[in-house]
Amino acid sequence: DDGNAYLAAGLAGMGVLWLPRYMAGPHAARGELVPLLEDWTMDPMPMYLAYPPNRNVSAKLRVFIDWVDELMRRHAPAIVPAASGPGEG
């Protein structure tokens, strides 16, 4: 569950790995990693920031939330809800 360790193992030639583009891209551009199965994708996973509901959002927490939000908007694929079929919500 450690992306940096996973990346290091891949760079050391220890096998095939799946990484987000923002982690693999710079290494692929330098030829350190070779893209495989490029037309295969995984569904994006949601990310949540949690903090106690009984507290006001401090200036530090607001800056952190805004920073993470901006990073995800720039580097992570958007999660698009699946279209509902007939009879579904």
C-alpha atoms as a PDB file:
ATOM      1  CA  ASP A   1       0.000   0.000   0.000  1.00  0.00           C
ATOM      2  CA  ASP A   2       3.014   2.292  -0.426  1.00  0.00           C
ATOM      3  CA  GLY A   3       3.126   3.791  -3.910  1.00  0.00           C
ATOM      4  CA  ASN A   4       6.728   4.947  -3.527  1.00  0.00           C
ATOM      5  CA  ALA A   5       7.923   1.462  -2.547  1.00  0.00           C
ATOM      6  CA  TYR A   6       5.886  -0.003  -5.397  1.00  0.00           C
ATOM      7  CA  LEU A   7       7.477   2.437  -7.836  1.00  0.00           C
ATOM      8  CA  ALA A   8      10.972   1.675  -6.516  1.00  0.00           C
ATOM      9  CA  ALA A   9      10.364  -2.060  -7.026  1.00  0.00           C
ATOM     10  CA  GLY A  10       9.260  -1.444 -10.615  1.00  0.00           C
ATOM     11  CA  LEU A  11      12.277   0.768 -11.328  1.00  0.00           C
ATOM     12  CA  ALA A  12      14.476  -2.019  -9.945  1.00  0.00           C
ATOM     13  CA  GLY A  13      13.010  -4.391 -12.549  1.00  0.00           C
ATOM     14  CA  MET A  14      11.044  -6.469 -10.060  1.00  0.00           C
ATOM     15  CA  GLY A  15       8.012  -7.011 -12.276  1.00  0.00           C
ATOM     16  CA  VAL A  16       4.934  -5.476 -13.819  1.00  0.00           C
ATOM     17  CA  LEU A  17       3.143  -2.818 -11.824  1.00  0.00           C
ATOM     18  CA  TRP A  18       0.150  -0.508 -12.072  1.00  0.00           C
ATOM     19  CA  LEU A  19       0.638   3.097 -11.083  1.00  0.00           C
ATOM     20  CA  PRO A  20      -1.287   6.323 -11.534  1.00  0.00           C
ATOM     21  CA  ARG A  21      -0.078   8.307 -14.551  1.00  0.00           C
ATOM     22  CA  TYR A  22       1.211  11.139 -12.376  1.00  0.00           C
ATOM     23  CA  MET A  23       3.625   8.706 -10.682  1.00  0.00           C
ATOM     24  CA  ALA A  24       4.660   6.675 -13.720  1.00  0.00           C
ATOM     25  CA  GLY A  25       4.669   9.427 -16.362  1.00  0.00           C
ATOM     26  CA  PRO A  26       8.023  11.061 -15.602  1.00  0.00           C
ATOM     27  CA  HIS A  27       9.753   7.661 -15.451  1.00  0.00           C
ATOM     28  CA  ALA A  28       8.126   6.488 -18.688  1.00  0.00           C
ATOM     29  CA  ALA A  29       9.217   9.719 -20.394  1.00  0.00           C
ATOM     30  CA  ARG A  30      12.825   8.966 -19.390  1.00  0.00           C
ATOM     31  CA  GLY A  31      12.525   5.350 -20.567  1.00  0.00           C
ATOM     32  CA  GLU A  32      12.825   3.946 -17.044  1.00  0.00           C
ATOM     33  CA  LEU A  33       9.390   2.324 -17.293  1.00  0.00           C
ATOM     34  CA  VAL A  34       7.721   0.856 -20.369  1.00  0.00           C
ATOM     35  CA  PRO A  35       3.937   1.232 -20.688  1.00  0.00           C
ATOM     36  CA  LEU A  36       2.024  -2.053 -21.095  1.00  0.00           C
ATOM     37  CA  LEU A  37      -1.684  -2.735 -21.626  1.00  0.00           C
ATOM     38  CA  GLU A  38      -2.293   0.956 -22.372  1.00  0.00           C
ATOM     39  CA  ASP A  39      -5.910   0.449 -23.397  1.00  0.00           C
ATOM     40  CA  TRP A  40      -6.772  -1.244 -20.068  1.00  0.00           C
ATOM     41  CA  THR A  41      -7.963   1.027 -17.259  1.00  0.00           C
ATOM     42  CA  MET A  42      -9.320   0.755 -13.755  1.00  0.00           C
ATOM     43  CA  ASP A  43     -12.267   2.712 -12.442  1.00  0.00           C
ATOM     44  CA  PRO A  44     -11.145   5.753 -10.442  1.00  0.00           C
ATOM     45  CA  MET A  45     -11.395   5.432  -6.678  1.00  0.00           C
ATOM     46  CA  PRO A  46     -13.001   8.186  -4.622  1.00  0.00           C
ATOM     47  CA  MET A  47     -10.910  10.023  -2.070  1.00  0.00           C
ATOM     48  CA  TYR A  48     -12.329  11.558   1.067  1.00  0.00           C
ATOM     49  CA  LEU A  49     -10.917  13.993   3.613  1.00  0.00           C
ATOM     50  CA  ALA A  50     -12.429  13.469   7.037  1.00  0.00           C
ATOM     51  CA  TYR A  51     -12.311  15.659  10.104  1.00  0.00           C
ATOM     52  CA  PRO A  52     -14.431  15.812  13.260  1.00  0.00           C
ATOM     53  CA  PRO A  53     -17.819  17.417  12.544  1.00  0.00           C
ATOM     54  CA  ASN A  54     -17.863  19.210  15.873  1.00  0.00           C
ATOM     55  CA  ARG A  55     -14.889  21.423  15.005  1.00  0.00           C
ATOM     56  CA  ASN A  56     -14.568  24.520  12.900  1.00  0.00           C
ATOM     57  CA  VAL A  57     -12.304  24.203   9.894  1.00  0.00           C
ATOM     58  CA  SER A  58      -9.092  25.954  10.897  1.00  0.00           C
ATOM     59  CA  ALA A  59      -7.135  28.047   8.423  1.00  0.00           C
ATOM     60  CA  LYS A  60      -4.450  25.317   8.274  1.00  0.00           C
ATOM     61  CA  LEU A  61      -7.008  22.618   7.538  1.00  0.00           C
ATOM     62  CA  ARG A  62      -8.708  24.789   4.884  1.00  0.00           C
ATOM     63  CA  VAL A  63      -5.349  25.356   3.146  1.00  0.00           C
ATOM     64  CA  PHE A  64      -4.651  21.606   3.242  1.00  0.00           C
ATOM     65  CA  ILE A  65      -8.103  20.729   1.867  1.00  0.00           C
ATOM     66  CA  ASP A  66      -7.724  23.277  -0.934  1.00  0.00           C
ATOM     67  CA  TRP A  67      -4.216  21.969  -1.747  1.00  0.00           C
ATOM     68  CA  VAL A  68      -5.377  18.333  -1.966  1.00  0.00           C
ATOM     69  CA  ASP A  69      -8.394  19.374  -4.036  1.00  0.00           C
ATOM     70  CA  GLU A  70      -6.165  21.231  -6.510  1.00  0.00           C
ATOM     71  CA  LEU A  71      -3.720  18.302  -6.773  1.00  0.00           C
ATOM     72  CA  MET A  72      -6.536  15.863  -7.470  1.00  0.00           C
ATOM     73  CA  ARG A  73      -8.107  18.143 -10.074  1.00  0.00           C
ATOM     74  CA  ARG A  74      -4.760  18.423 -11.877  1.00  0.00           C
ATOM     75  CA  HIS A  75      -3.488  14.848 -11.607  1.00  0.00           C
ATOM     76  CA  ALA A  76      -6.336  12.421 -10.967  1.00  0.00           C
ATOM     77  CA  PRO A  77      -9.060  11.422 -13.399  1.00  0.00           C
ATOM     78  CA  ALA A  78     -12.512  12.778 -12.647  1.00  0.00           C
ATOM     79  CA  ILE A  79     -15.043  10.311 -11.302  1.00  0.00           C
ATOM     80  CA  VAL A  80     -18.051  10.378 -13.597  1.00  0.00           C
ATOM     81  CA  PRO A  81     -21.168   8.703 -12.171  1.00  0.00           C
ATOM     82  CA  ALA A  82     -22.439   5.768 -14.210  1.00  0.00           C
ATOM     83  CA  ALA A  83     -25.598   6.433 -16.183  1.00  0.00           C
ATOM     84  CA  SER A  84     -28.700   4.893 -14.636  1.00  0.00           C
ATOM     85  CA  GLY A  85     -30.453   2.271 -16.697  1.00  0.00           C
ATOM     86  CA  PRO A  86     -34.226   1.736 -16.926  1.00  0.00           C
ATOM     87  CA  GLY A  87     -35.746   1.314 -13.473  1.00  0.00           C
ATOM     88  CA  GLU A  88     -32.560   2.349 -11.666  1.00  0.00           C
ATOM     89  CA  GLY A  89     -32.193   5.290  -9.277  1.00  0.00           C
END
